[in-house]
PDB file of N, CA and C in Angstrom:
ATOM      1  N   MET A   1       0.844  -1.172   0.000  1.00  0.00           N
ATOM      2  CA  MET A   1       0.000   0.000   0.000  1.00  0.00           C
ATOM      3  C   MET A   1       0.892   1.238   0.000  1.00  0.00           C
ATOM      4  N   PRO A   2       0.646   2.191  -0.885  1.00  0.00           N
ATOM      5  CA  PRO A   2       1.491   3.380  -0.945  1.00  0.00           C
ATOM      6  C   PRO A   2       1.222   4.336   0.219  1.00  0.00           C
ATOM      7  N   ALA A   3       2.264   5.023   0.617  1.00  0.00           N
ATOM      8  CA  ALA A   3       2.128   6.083   1.604  1.00  0.00           C
ATOM      9  C   ALA A   3       1.988   7.391   0.840  1.00  0.00           C
ATOM     10  N   THR A   4       0.958   8.159   1.145  1.00  0.00           N
ATOM     11  CA  THR A   4       0.686   9.395   0.427  1.00  0.00           C
ATOM     12  C   THR A   4       0.564  10.541   1.415  1.00  0.00           C
ATOM     13  N   CYS A   5       1.111  11.692   1.034  1.00  0.00           N
ATOM     14  CA  CYS A   5       1.030  12.883   1.861  1.00  0.00           C
ATOM     15  C   CYS A   5       0.648  14.058   0.974  1.00  0.00           C
ATOM     16  N   VAL A   6      -0.317  14.854   1.415  1.00  0.00           N
ATOM     17  CA  VAL A   6      -0.710  16.053   0.684  1.00  0.00           C
ATOM     18  C   VAL A   6      -0.801  17.191   1.686  1.00  0.00           C
ATOM     19  N   LEU A   7      -0.081  18.265   1.422  1.00  0.00           N
ATOM     20  CA  LEU A   7      -0.132  19.469   2.238  1.00  0.00           C
ATOM     21  C   LEU A   7      -0.582  20.613   1.338  1.00  0.00           C
ATOM     22  N   GLU A   8      -1.642  21.296   1.729  1.00  0.00           N
ATOM     23  CA  GLU A   8      -2.138  22.386   0.901  1.00  0.00           C
ATOM     24  C   GLU A   8      -2.365  23.628   1.746  1.00  0.00           C
ATOM     25  N   ASP A   9      -1.916  24.738   1.208  1.00  0.00           N
ATOM     26  CA  ASP A   9      -2.143  26.054   1.795  1.00  0.00           C
ATOM     27  C   ASP A   9      -2.466  26.958   0.616  1.00  0.00           C
ATOM     28  N   THR A  10      -3.727  27.318   0.460  1.00  0.00           N
ATOM     29  CA  THR A  10      -4.138  28.038  -0.738  1.00  0.00           C
ATOM     30  C   THR A  10      -3.427  29.379  -0.905  1.00  0.00           C
ATOM     31  N   GLU A  11      -2.889  29.941   0.161  1.00  0.00           N
ATOM     32  CA  GLU A  11      -2.173  31.210   0.053  1.00  0.00           C
ATOM     33  C   GLU A  11      -0.696  31.025  -0.250  1.00  0.00           C
ATOM     34  N   ASN A  12      -0.085  29.940   0.233  1.00  0.00           N
ATOM     35  CA  ASN A  12       1.356  29.781   0.118  1.00  0.00           C
ATOM     36  C   ASN A  12       1.805  28.623  -0.762  1.00  0.00           C
ATOM     37  N   GLY A  13       0.919  27.723  -1.131  1.00  0.00           N
ATOM     38  CA  GLY A  13       1.306  26.645  -2.027  1.00  0.00           C
ATOM     39  C   GLY A  13       0.900  25.276  -1.525  1.00  0.00           C
ATOM     40  N   TRP A  14       1.422  24.253  -2.191  1.00  0.00           N
ATOM     41  CA  TRP A  14       1.074  22.879  -1.857  1.00  0.00           C
ATOM     42  C   TRP A  14       2.268  21.970  -2.095  1.00  0.00           C
ATOM     43  N   LEU A  15       2.210  20.783  -1.484  1.00  0.00           N
ATOM     44  CA  LEU A  15       3.223  19.740  -1.643  1.00  0.00           C
ATOM     45  C   LEU A  15       2.502  18.401  -1.621  1.00  0.00           C
ATOM     46  N   LYS A  16       2.854  17.526  -2.556  1.00  0.00           N
ATOM     47  CA  LYS A  16       2.264  16.187  -2.612  1.00  0.00           C
ATOM     48  C   LYS A  16       3.396  15.181  -2.739  1.00  0.00           C
ATOM     49  N   SER A  17       3.296  14.074  -2.017  1.00  0.00           N
ATOM     50  CA  SER A  17       4.318  13.033  -2.132  1.00  0.00           C
ATOM     51  C   SER A  17       3.670  11.658  -2.059  1.00  0.00           C
ATOM     52  N   LYS A  18       4.374  10.690  -2.668  1.00  0.00           N
ATOM     53  CA  LYS A  18       3.887   9.316  -2.677  1.00  0.00           C
ATOM     54  C   LYS A  18       5.095   8.386  -2.666  1.00  0.00           C
ATOM     55  N   LEU A  19       5.038   7.361  -1.839  1.00  0.00           N
ATOM     56  CA  LEU A  19       6.106   6.376  -1.742  1.00  0.00           C
ATOM     57  C   LEU A  19       5.477   4.994  -1.776  1.00  0.00           C
ATOM     58  N   LYS A  20       6.004   4.147  -2.669  1.00  0.00           N
ATOM     59  CA  LYS A  20       5.455   2.801  -2.810  1.00  0.00           C
ATOM     60  C   LYS A  20       6.599   1.835  -3.115  1.00  0.00           C
ATOM     61  N   VAL A  21       6.576   0.680  -2.467  1.00  0.00           N
ATOM     62  CA  VAL A  21       7.507  -0.400  -2.783  1.00  0.00           C
ATOM     63  C   VAL A  21       6.656  -1.609  -3.138  1.00  0.00           C
ATOM     64  N   GLU A  22       6.864  -2.105  -4.361  1.00  0.00           N
ATOM     65  CA  GLU A  22       6.050  -3.216  -4.832  1.00  0.00           C
ATOM     66  C   GLU A  22       6.845  -4.017  -5.862  1.00  0.00           C
ATOM     67  N   ASN A  23       6.854  -5.324  -5.695  1.00  0.00           N
ATOM     68  CA  ASN A  23       7.524  -6.224  -6.636  1.00  0.00           C
ATOM     69  C   ASN A  23       8.974  -5.816  -6.907  1.00  0.00           C
ATOM     70  N   GLY A  24       9.685  -5.427  -5.856  1.00  0.00           N
ATOM     71  CA  GLY A  24      11.097  -5.085  -5.989  1.00  0.00           C
ATOM     72  C   GLY A  24      11.372  -3.733  -6.609  1.00  0.00           C
ATOM     73  N   LEU A  25      10.356  -2.879  -6.705  1.00  0.00           N
ATOM     74  CA  LEU A  25      10.521  -1.548  -7.267  1.00  0.00           C
ATOM     75  C   LEU A  25      10.115  -0.504  -6.242  1.00  0.00           C
ATOM     76  N   LEU A  26      11.022   0.397  -5.929  1.00  0.00           N
ATOM     77  CA  LEU A  26      10.715   1.538  -5.075  1.00  0.00           C
ATOM     78  C   LEU A  26      10.332   2.687  -5.992  1.00  0.00           C
ATOM     79  N   HIS A  27       9.176   3.282  -5.733  1.00  0.00           N
ATOM     80  CA  HIS A  27       8.701   4.402  -6.536  1.00  0.00           C
ATOM     81  C   HIS A  27       8.398   5.566  -5.604  1.00  0.00           C
ATOM     82  N   PHE A  28       9.124   6.674  -5.802  1.00  0.00           N
ATOM     83  CA  PHE A  28       8.943   7.879  -4.994  1.00  0.00           C
ATOM     84  C   PHE A  28       8.604   9.019  -5.925  1.00  0.00           C
ATOM     85  N   TYR A  29       7.523   9.723  -5.605  1.00  0.00           N
ATOM     86  CA  TYR A  29       7.090  10.870  -6.403  1.00  0.00           C
ATOM     87  C   TYR A  29       6.817  12.023  -5.450  1.00  0.00           C
ATOM     88  N   ILE A  30       7.288  13.197  -5.794  1.00  0.00           N
ATOM     89  CA  ILE A  30       7.017  14.386  -4.997  1.00  0.00           C
ATOM     90  C   ILE A  30       6.856  15.567  -5.938  1.00  0.00           C
ATOM     91  N   SER A  31       5.919  16.448  -5.601  1.00  0.00           N
ATOM     92  CA  SER A  31       5.713  17.657  -6.398  1.00  0.00           C
ATOM     93  C   SER A  31       5.308  18.795  -5.479  1.00  0.00           C
ATOM     94  N   ASN A  32       5.597  19.994  -5.923  1.00  0.00           N
ATOM     95  CA  ASN A  32       5.201  21.176  -5.156  1.00  0.00           C
ATOM     96  C   ASN A  32       4.889  22.322  -6.101  1.00  0.00           C
ATOM     97  N   SER A  33       4.092  23.247  -5.599  1.00  0.00           N
ATOM     98  CA  SER A  33       3.741  24.418  -6.389  1.00  0.00           C
ATOM     99  C   SER A  33       4.933  25.369  -6.433  1.00  0.00           C
ATOM    100  N   LEU A  34       4.943  26.194  -7.459  1.00  0.00           N
ATOM    101  CA  LEU A  34       5.974  27.225  -7.600  1.00  0.00           C
ATOM    102  C   LEU A  34       5.302  28.583  -7.581  1.00  0.00           C
ATOM    103  N   LYS A  35       5.983  29.554  -7.025  1.00  0.00           N
ATOM    104  CA  LYS A  35       5.462  30.913  -7.066  1.00  0.00           C
ATOM    105  C   LYS A  35       5.487  31.394  -8.508  1.00  0.00           C
ATOM    106  N   THR A  36       4.519  32.218  -8.853  1.00  0.00           N
ATOM    107  CA  THR A  36       4.459  32.712 -10.229  1.00  0.00           C
ATOM    108  C   THR A  36       5.578  33.708 -10.516  1.00  0.00           C
ATOM    109  N   ILE A  37       6.075  34.377  -9.501  1.00  0.00           N
ATOM    110  CA  ILE A  37       7.181  35.305  -9.672  1.00  0.00           C
ATOM    111  C   ILE A  37       8.450  34.588  -9.270  1.00  0.00           C
ATOM    112  N   ASN A  38       9.400  34.490 -10.177  1.00  0.00           N
ATOM    113  CA  ASN A  38      10.651  33.810  -9.893  1.00  0.00           C
ATOM    114  C   ASN A  38      11.562  34.741  -9.089  1.00  0.00           C
ATOM    115  N   GLU A  39      11.681  34.456  -7.805  1.00  0.00           N
ATOM    116  CA  GLU A  39      12.487  35.295  -6.928  1.00  0.00           C
ATOM    117  C   GLU A  39      13.969  34.992  -7.050  1.00  0.00           C
ATOM    118  N   LYS A  40      14.311  33.784  -7.499  1.00  0.00           N
ATOM    119  CA  LYS A  40      15.706  33.383  -7.603  1.00  0.00           C
ATOM    120  C   LYS A  40      16.171  33.577  -9.033  1.00  0.00           C
ATOM    121  N   LYS A  41      17.180  34.367  -9.214  1.00  0.00           N
ATOM    122  CA  LYS A  41      17.715  34.638 -10.549  1.00  0.00           C
ATOM    123  C   LYS A  41      18.949  33.786 -10.775  1.00  0.00           C
ATOM    124  N   GLY A  42      19.186  33.437 -12.024  1.00  0.00           N
ATOM    125  CA  GLY A  42      20.388  32.678 -12.358  1.00  0.00           C
ATOM    126  C   GLY A  42      20.186  31.189 -12.166  1.00  0.00           C
ATOM    127  N   LYS A  43      21.282  30.452 -12.295  1.00  0.00           N
ATOM    128  CA  LYS A  43      21.258  29.003 -12.200  1.00  0.00           C
ATOM    129  C   LYS A  43      21.218  28.558 -10.748  1.00  0.00           C
ATOM    130  N   GLY A  44      20.552  27.440 -10.502  1.00  0.00           N
ATOM    131  CA  GLY A  44      20.453  26.894  -9.157  1.00  0.00           C
ATOM    132  C   GLY A  44      21.757  26.282  -8.681  1.00  0.00           C
ATOM    133  N   GLY A  45      21.684  25.647  -7.520  1.00  0.00           N
ATOM    134  CA  GLY A  45      22.857  25.027  -6.922  1.00  0.00           C
ATOM    135  C   GLY A  45      23.209  23.703  -7.565  1.00  0.00           C
ATOM    136  N   VAL A  46      24.010  22.928  -6.873  1.00  0.00           N
ATOM    137  CA  VAL A  46      24.496  21.658  -7.407  1.00  0.00           C
ATOM    138  C   VAL A  46      23.727  20.467  -6.850  1.00  0.00           C
ATOM    139  N   GLY A  47      22.672  20.700  -6.099  1.00  0.00           N
ATOM    140  CA  GLY A  47      21.932  19.620  -5.446  1.00  0.00           C
ATOM    141  C   GLY A  47      21.410  18.562  -6.384  1.00  0.00           C
ATOM    142  N   LEU A  48      20.717  18.951  -7.455  1.00  0.00           N
ATOM    143  CA  LEU A  48      20.159  17.965  -8.389  1.00  0.00           C
ATOM    144  C   LEU A  48      21.259  17.219  -9.132  1.00  0.00           C
ATOM    145  N   GLU A  49      22.322  17.911  -9.479  1.00  0.00           N
ATOM    146  CA  GLU A  49      23.454  17.258 -10.135  1.00  0.00           C
ATOM    147  C   GLU A  49      24.079  16.215  -9.212  1.00  0.00           C
ATOM    148  N   ASN A  50      24.216  16.543  -7.927  1.00  0.00           N
ATOM    149  CA  ASN A  50      24.767  15.593  -6.953  1.00  0.00           C
ATOM    150  C   ASN A  50      23.869  14.372  -6.795  1.00  0.00           C
ATOM    151  N   ILE A  51      22.565  14.579  -6.797  1.00  0.00           N
ATOM    152  CA  ILE A  51      21.628  13.459  -6.673  1.00  0.00           C
ATOM    153  C   ILE A  51      21.773  12.523  -7.871  1.00  0.00           C
ATOM    154  N   ARG A  52      21.852  13.093  -9.063  1.00  0.00           N
ATOM    155  CA  ARG A  52      22.023  12.262 -10.269  1.00  0.00           C
ATOM    156  C   ARG A  52      23.314  11.442 -10.187  1.00  0.00           C
ATOM    157  N   ASP A  53      24.412  12.099  -9.760  1.00  0.00           N
ATOM    158  CA  ASP A  53      25.704  11.411  -9.636  1.00  0.00           C
ATOM    159  C   ASP A  53      25.640  10.275  -8.613  1.00  0.00           C
ATOM    160  N   ARG A  54      25.024  10.519  -7.466  1.00  0.00           N
ATOM    161  CA  ARG A  54      24.938   9.494  -6.421  1.00  0.00           C
ATOM    162  C   ARG A  54      24.065   8.324  -6.852  1.00  0.00           C
ATOM    163  N   LEU A  55      22.960   8.606  -7.524  1.00  0.00           N
ATOM    164  CA  LEU A  55      22.118   7.517  -8.026  1.00  0.00           C
ATOM    165  C   LEU A  55      22.889   6.659  -9.018  1.00  0.00           C
ATOM    166  N   GLN A  56      23.679   7.288  -9.872  1.00  0.00           N
ATOM    167  CA  GLN A  56      24.463   6.539 -10.847  1.00  0.00           C
ATOM    168  C   GLN A  56      25.519   5.677 -10.159  1.00  0.00           C
ATOM    169  N   LEU A  57      26.109   6.180  -9.083  1.00  0.00           N
ATOM    170  CA  LEU A  57      27.103   5.405  -8.329  1.00  0.00           C
ATOM    171  C   LEU A  57      26.475   4.247  -7.561  1.00  0.00           C
ATOM    172  N   LEU A  58      25.337   4.499  -6.925  1.00  0.00           N
ATOM    173  CA  LEU A  58      24.709   3.500  -6.063  1.00  0.00           C
ATOM    174  C   LEU A  58      23.811   2.516  -6.808  1.00  0.00           C
ATOM    175  N   PHE A  59      23.166   2.971  -7.873  1.00  0.00           N
ATOM    176  CA  PHE A  59      22.193   2.137  -8.596  1.00  0.00           C
ATOM    177  C   PHE A  59      22.406   2.238 -10.106  1.00  0.00           C
ATOM    178  N   PRO A  60      23.602   1.909 -10.603  1.00  0.00           N
ATOM    179  CA  PRO A  60      23.847   2.034 -12.045  1.00  0.00           C
ATOM    180  C   PRO A  60      22.943   1.101 -12.847  1.00  0.00           C
ATOM    181  N   GLY A  61      22.195   1.679 -13.768  1.00  0.00           N
ATOM    182  CA  GLY A  61      21.287   0.888 -14.595  1.00  0.00           C
ATOM    183  C   GLY A  61      20.041   0.399 -13.883  1.00  0.00           C
ATOM    184  N   LEU A  62      19.870   0.780 -12.619  1.00  0.00           N
ATOM    185  CA  LEU A  62      18.732   0.286 -11.827  1.00  0.00           C
ATOM    186  C   LEU A  62      17.783   1.401 -11.395  1.00  0.00           C
ATOM    187  N   HIS A  63      17.959   2.582 -11.937  1.00  0.00           N
ATOM    188  CA  HIS A  63      17.105   3.692 -11.518  1.00  0.00           C
ATOM    189  C   HIS A  63      16.651   4.525 -12.720  1.00  0.00           C
ATOM    190  N   GLU A  64      15.564   5.234 -12.485  1.00  0.00           N
ATOM    191  CA  GLU A  64      15.034   6.175 -13.472  1.00  0.00           C
ATOM    192  C   GLU A  64      14.636   7.436 -12.717  1.00  0.00           C
ATOM    193  N   LEU A  65      15.143   8.568 -13.133  1.00  0.00           N
ATOM    194  CA  LEU A  65      14.863   9.839 -12.470  1.00  0.00           C
ATOM    195  C   LEU A  65      14.328  10.829 -13.494  1.00  0.00           C
ATOM    196  N   LYS A  66      13.135  11.345 -13.236  1.00  0.00           N
ATOM    197  CA  LYS A  66      12.534  12.363 -14.102  1.00  0.00           C
ATOM    198  C   LYS A  66      12.261  13.595 -13.251  1.00  0.00           C
ATOM    199  N   ILE A  67      12.740  14.733 -13.712  1.00  0.00           N
ATOM    200  CA  ILE A  67      12.534  15.998 -13.010  1.00  0.00           C
ATOM    201  C   ILE A  67      11.879  16.964 -13.987  1.00  0.00           C
ATOM    202  N   GLU A  68      10.785  17.563 -13.562  1.00  0.00           N
ATOM    203  CA  GLU A  68      10.075  18.526 -14.398  1.00  0.00           C
ATOM    204  C   GLU A  68       9.884  19.823 -13.630  1.00  0.00           C
ATOM    205  N   ASN A  69      10.073  20.921 -14.345  1.00  0.00           N
ATOM    206  CA  ASN A  69       9.947  22.235 -13.737  1.00  0.00           C
ATOM    207  C   ASN A  69       9.213  23.129 -14.729  1.00  0.00           C
ATOM    208  N   GLY A  70       7.939  23.364 -14.470  1.00  0.00           N
ATOM    209  CA  GLY A  70       7.162  24.213 -15.372  1.00  0.00           C
ATOM    210  C   GLY A  70       5.692  24.168 -15.045  1.00  0.00           C
ATOM    211  N   ASN A  71       4.943  25.040 -15.673  1.00  0.00           N
ATOM    212  CA  ASN A  71       3.491  25.122 -15.475  1.00  0.00           C
ATOM    213  C   ASN A  71       3.116  25.298 -14.007  1.00  0.00           C
ATOM    214  N   GLY A  72       3.931  26.084 -13.270  1.00  0.00           N
ATOM    215  CA  GLY A  72       3.624  26.365 -11.875  1.00  0.00           C
ATOM    216  C   GLY A  72       3.891  25.228 -10.919  1.00  0.00           C
ATOM    217  N   MET A  73       4.679  24.233 -11.380  1.00  0.00           N
ATOM    218  CA  MET A  73       4.904  23.050 -10.560  1.00  0.00           C
ATOM    219  C   MET A  73       6.323  22.509 -10.760  1.00  0.00           C
ATOM    220  N   PHE A  74       6.907  21.969  -9.692  1.00  0.00           N
ATOM    221  CA  PHE A  74       8.185  21.263  -9.740  1.00  0.00           C
ATOM    222  C   PHE A  74       7.912  19.844  -9.278  1.00  0.00           C
ATOM    223  N   SER A  75       8.386  18.838 -10.046  1.00  0.00           N
ATOM    224  CA  SER A  75       8.129  17.458  -9.640  1.00  0.00           C
ATOM    225  C   SER A  75       9.340  16.561  -9.878  1.00  0.00           C
ATOM    226  N   VAL A  76       9.445  15.546  -9.033  1.00  0.00           N
ATOM    227  CA  VAL A  76      10.494  14.537  -9.139  1.00  0.00           C
ATOM    228  C   VAL A  76       9.822  13.173  -9.090  1.00  0.00           C
ATOM    229  N   ASP A  77      10.170  12.324 -10.058  1.00  0.00           N
ATOM    230  CA  ASP A  77       9.637  10.970 -10.135  1.00  0.00           C
ATOM    231  C   ASP A  77      10.834  10.026 -10.164  1.00  0.00           C
ATOM    232  N   LEU A  78      11.026   9.259  -9.101  1.00  0.00           N
ATOM    233  CA  LEU A  78      12.193   8.394  -8.959  1.00  0.00           C
ATOM    234  C   LEU A  78      11.743   6.946  -8.814  1.00  0.00           C
ATOM    235  N   LYS A  79      12.345   6.075  -9.632  1.00  0.00           N
ATOM    236  CA  LYS A  79      12.095   4.630  -9.533  1.00  0.00           C
ATOM    237  C   LYS A  79      13.434   3.941  -9.383  1.00  0.00           C
ATOM    238  N   ILE A  80      13.530   3.026  -8.412  1.00  0.00           N
ATOM    239  CA  ILE A  80      14.744   2.274  -8.177  1.00  0.00           C
ATOM    240  C   ILE A  80      14.388   0.789  -8.089  1.00  0.00           C
ATOM    241  N   THR A  81      15.063  -0.020  -8.893  1.00  0.00           N
ATOM    242  CA  THR A  81      14.906  -1.463  -8.806  1.00  0.00           C
ATOM    243  C   THR A  81      15.757  -1.949  -7.650  1.00  0.00           C
ATOM    244  N   LEU A  82      15.125  -2.602  -6.689  1.00  0.00           N
ATOM    245  CA  LEU A  82      15.810  -3.073  -5.497  1.00  0.00           C
ATOM    246  C   LEU A  82      16.370  -4.471  -5.728  1.00  0.00           C
ATOM    247  N   GLY A  83      17.524  -4.758  -5.137  1.00  0.00           N
ATOM    248  CA  GLY A  83      18.185  -6.035  -5.328  1.00  0.00           C
ATOM    249  C   GLY A  83      17.601  -7.085  -4.478  1.00  0.00           C
TER     250      GLY A  83
END
């Protein structure tokens, strides 16, 4: 059974997450709203790049990572095949 969490604040935004382990596959999904005005200028930090590098080191060929940023939403969809 998946664990699901939804936090909503109509004035400040929302966050949704889901975690499921089934048939040797871990599936983690998280998304959050984005402010319509981009307060941060320029390129972001190295956090997402570090996550990609660590997944490749720890789970080479056993993971799928999709990151989307647009339409007022940021989302991460991660699947890892467990040994």
